[in-house]
Amino acid sequence: MPSSKPSPLERNPGIDLLRGIAILLVVLHHLGLRIPLKKTALAEVLPTRLLSALNFNGYEAVFVFFVISGFLIAGNAIRRWGALERIDLRDFYARRFARIVPCLLALVGVLSVLHLVGAQDYAINREGQSLPRAVLAALGLHLNWYEGQTGYLPGNWDVLWSLSIEEVFYLGFPLACLLLRRDALMALLL
């Protein structure tokens, strides 16, 4: 008799579809910041209102990613430890660290080099901002707060704002699970 519980490696096609739609909306949003879709050849075949909506809704698609991430993290924790209140903090944080930090270090390294060589759209030139402070904010997972205080960094740095928000969830999620000790309370809180 087949198991009704999916294996940890099994993909969920519904989640993959939501991710795909969200990715498309984010890409269209970023394209629309520089080339509004209503000013492209698409305007000849699609209504302007639809093109404007496609450009605008990419911002909200990031929140779809946050919800999907929370769903997957909670589901994986339940599969791995049997219940949210049994999360192993050390293992949880080690897994998050291994998944996030290598790519984050590589990205911050590349962005720093591009800043140092003065590459247009990569160099941090806004008053009150600096490369060391941007690196600290990116690695300290508070780039969104840094930008809130000093203004947006160049667009290629700015992509890290969402990682800052998501990682705060990852830092607090297992602690909340252990403190609340009940899946029902955790579901209500989330």
Protein backbone atom coordinates (compact mmCIF):
# COMPACT_ATOMS: atom_id res chain seq x y z
CA MET A 1 0.00 0.00 0.00
CA PRO A 2 1.53 3.38 -0.99
CA SER A 3 2.34 5.86 1.74
CA SER A 4 0.14 8.98 1.87
CA LYS A 5 3.01 10.96 3.38
CA PRO A 6 5.29 12.45 0.70
CA SER A 7 8.99 11.71 0.94
CA PRO A 8 11.22 14.67 1.80
CA LEU A 9 12.54 14.77 -1.77
CA GLU A 10 9.14 14.60 -3.47
CA ARG A 11 8.17 17.81 -5.30
CA ASN A 12 4.79 19.41 -4.88
CA PRO A 13 3.53 20.48 -8.34
CA GLY A 14 1.16 23.05 -6.83
CA ILE A 15 4.01 24.74 -4.96
CA ASP A 16 6.17 24.61 -8.09
CA LEU A 17 3.36 26.26 -10.09
CA LEU A 18 3.00 29.03 -7.50
CA ARG A 19 6.76 29.56 -7.53
CA GLY A 20 6.80 29.72 -11.32
CA ILE A 21 4.01 32.31 -11.44
CA ALA A 22 5.70 34.35 -8.69
CA ILE A 23 9.06 34.22 -10.50
CA LEU A 24 7.42 35.37 -13.74
CA LEU A 25 5.69 38.26 -11.95
CA VAL A 26 8.94 39.32 -10.23
CA VAL A 27 10.85 39.24 -13.53
CA LEU A 28 8.11 41.24 -15.28
CA HIS A 29 8.12 43.74 -12.41
CA HIS A 30 11.87 44.26 -12.68
CA LEU A 31 11.68 44.56 -16.45
CA GLY A 32 8.84 47.04 -16.07
CA LEU A 33 10.94 49.26 -13.80
CA ARG A 34 13.20 49.97 -16.75
CA ILE A 35 10.97 49.17 -19.73
CA PRO A 36 7.26 49.49 -18.90
CA LEU A 37 5.46 46.67 -20.69
CA LYS A 38 2.81 49.10 -21.96
CA LYS A 39 5.56 50.77 -24.02
CA THR A 40 6.62 47.53 -25.74
CA ALA A 41 5.27 45.58 -28.70
CA LEU A 42 3.12 43.64 -26.23
CA ALA A 43 0.85 46.71 -26.07
CA GLU A 44 -0.30 45.88 -29.60
CA VAL A 45 -1.74 42.52 -28.51
CA LEU A 46 -2.52 42.86 -24.80
CA PRO A 47 -4.59 45.47 -22.96
CA THR A 48 -2.62 48.25 -21.25
CA ARG A 49 -4.39 47.53 -17.97
CA LEU A 50 -3.14 43.91 -18.02
CA LEU A 51 0.41 44.98 -18.83
CA SER A 52 0.37 47.52 -15.99
CA ALA A 53 -0.92 44.84 -13.61
CA LEU A 54 1.83 42.44 -14.69
CA ASN A 55 4.44 45.12 -13.97
CA PHE A 56 2.93 46.05 -10.63
CA ASN A 57 2.20 42.63 -9.12
CA GLY A 58 5.80 41.43 -8.97
CA TYR A 59 6.26 43.17 -5.65
CA GLU A 60 3.43 41.16 -4.11
CA ALA A 61 4.85 37.98 -5.65
CA VAL A 62 7.79 38.28 -3.24
CA PHE A 63 5.31 37.84 -0.40
CA VAL A 64 4.08 34.68 -2.10
CA PHE A 65 7.67 33.41 -1.83
CA PHE A 66 7.68 34.26 1.89
CA VAL A 67 4.48 32.26 2.45
CA ILE A 68 5.76 29.31 0.41
CA SER A 69 9.04 29.37 2.32
CA GLY A 70 7.26 29.35 5.67
CA PHE A 71 5.03 26.49 4.52
CA LEU A 72 7.99 24.43 3.31
CA ILE A 73 10.14 25.12 6.37
CA ALA A 74 7.31 24.14 8.73
CA GLY A 75 6.47 21.04 6.70
CA ASN A 76 10.11 19.96 6.52
CA ALA A 77 10.51 20.51 10.27
CA ILE A 78 7.48 18.34 11.00
CA ARG A 79 8.79 15.60 8.66
CA ARG A 80 12.29 15.76 10.11
CA TRP A 81 11.49 15.99 13.83
CA GLY A 82 7.92 14.72 14.03
CA ALA A 83 6.49 17.92 15.53
CA LEU A 84 7.39 21.60 15.59
CA GLU A 85 8.11 21.57 19.31
CA ARG A 86 10.85 18.96 18.76
CA ILE A 87 12.96 21.08 16.40
CA ASP A 88 16.68 20.61 17.00
CA LEU A 89 17.97 24.21 17.10
CA ARG A 90 21.56 23.33 16.29
CA ASP A 91 20.60 21.16 13.32
CA PHE A 92 18.02 23.68 12.07
CA TYR A 93 20.46 26.59 12.14
CA ALA A 94 23.30 24.49 10.66
CA ARG A 95 21.07 23.56 7.73
CA ARG A 96 19.98 27.18 7.14
CA PHE A 97 23.60 28.36 7.41
CA ALA A 98 24.81 25.75 4.90
CA ARG A 99 22.02 26.62 2.48
CA ILE A 100 22.29 30.42 2.63
CA VAL A 101 25.76 31.59 3.65
CA PRO A 102 27.97 30.18 0.84
CA CYS A 103 25.87 31.84 -1.88
CA LEU A 104 25.47 35.00 0.19
CA LEU A 105 29.25 35.29 0.64
CA ALA A 106 29.82 34.74 -3.08
CA LEU A 107 27.22 37.36 -4.03
CA VAL A 108 28.51 39.94 -1.55
CA GLY A 109 32.06 39.26 -2.76
CA VAL A 110 31.14 39.83 -6.41
CA LEU A 111 29.11 42.96 -5.58
CA SER A 112 32.01 44.31 -3.49
CA VAL A 113 34.51 43.80 -6.31
CA LEU A 114 32.16 45.50 -8.77
CA HIS A 115 31.79 48.41 -6.33
CA LEU A 116 35.57 48.69 -5.91
CA VAL A 117 36.17 48.83 -9.67
CA GLY A 118 33.46 51.50 -9.96
CA ALA A 119 31.07 49.53 -12.14
CA GLN A 120 28.00 51.59 -12.98
CA ASP A 121 24.88 50.47 -11.05
CA TYR A 122 27.06 48.53 -8.57
CA ALA A 123 29.02 51.30 -6.86
CA ILE A 124 27.53 52.60 -3.62
CA ASN A 125 27.59 56.39 -3.96
CA ARG A 126 24.64 57.63 -1.91
CA GLU A 127 25.50 59.91 0.99
CA GLY A 128 25.41 58.05 4.31
CA GLN A 129 26.13 54.67 2.68
CA SER A 130 29.40 52.81 2.40
CA LEU A 131 30.70 49.47 1.18
CA PRO A 132 31.71 48.22 4.66
CA ARG A 133 28.32 49.12 6.11
CA ALA A 134 26.45 47.53 3.17
CA VAL A 135 28.51 44.33 3.56
CA LEU A 136 27.81 44.28 7.30
CA ALA A 137 24.08 44.81 6.68
CA ALA A 138 23.97 42.06 4.04
CA LEU A 139 25.88 39.54 6.16
CA GLY A 140 24.10 40.63 9.34
CA LEU A 141 20.74 40.02 7.63
CA HIS A 142 19.46 43.53 8.21
CA LEU A 143 19.96 45.13 4.79
CA ASN A 144 16.28 46.05 4.71
CA TRP A 145 16.74 48.13 7.89
CA TYR A 146 19.93 49.70 6.52
CA GLU A 147 18.10 50.74 3.37
CA GLY A 148 15.21 52.04 5.47
CA GLN A 149 17.66 54.38 7.21
CA THR A 150 19.89 55.39 4.30
CA GLY A 151 17.83 54.83 1.14
CA TYR A 152 18.04 52.14 -1.48
CA LEU A 153 21.38 50.69 -2.44
CA PRO A 154 22.12 50.15 -6.14
CA GLY A 155 19.63 47.66 -7.57
CA ASN A 156 22.09 44.79 -7.65
CA TRP A 157 22.63 45.13 -3.89
CA ASP A 158 19.00 45.80 -3.20
CA VAL A 159 17.98 42.23 -4.06
CA LEU A 160 19.19 41.25 -0.58
CA TRP A 161 16.34 43.07 1.21
CA SER A 162 14.04 40.06 0.89
CA LEU A 163 16.70 37.68 2.19
CA SER A 164 16.99 39.87 5.29
CA ILE A 165 13.27 39.55 5.96
CA GLU A 166 13.18 35.82 5.28
CA GLU A 167 16.20 35.08 7.46
CA VAL A 168 14.65 36.88 10.43
CA PHE A 169 11.79 34.39 10.09
CA TYR A 170 14.30 31.52 10.03
CA LEU A 171 16.02 32.83 13.15
CA GLY A 172 12.78 33.22 15.08
CA PHE A 173 10.75 30.27 13.77
CA PRO A 174 12.45 27.43 15.68
CA LEU A 175 12.56 29.50 18.86
CA ALA A 176 8.84 30.20 18.61
CA CYS A 177 8.18 26.49 18.02
CA LEU A 178 10.12 25.54 21.13
CA LEU A 179 8.55 28.28 23.27
CA LEU A 180 4.95 27.67 22.21
CA ARG A 181 5.30 23.86 22.29
CA ARG A 182 2.02 23.30 20.41
CA ASP A 183 1.43 23.05 16.66
CA ALA A 184 -2.04 24.62 17.03
CA LEU A 185 -0.64 27.70 18.80
CA MET A 186 2.13 27.97 16.20
CA ALA A 187 -0.41 27.78 13.36
CA LEU A 188 -2.46 30.51 15.01
CA LEU A 189 0.63 32.71 15.43
CA LEU A 190 1.72 32.19 11.84
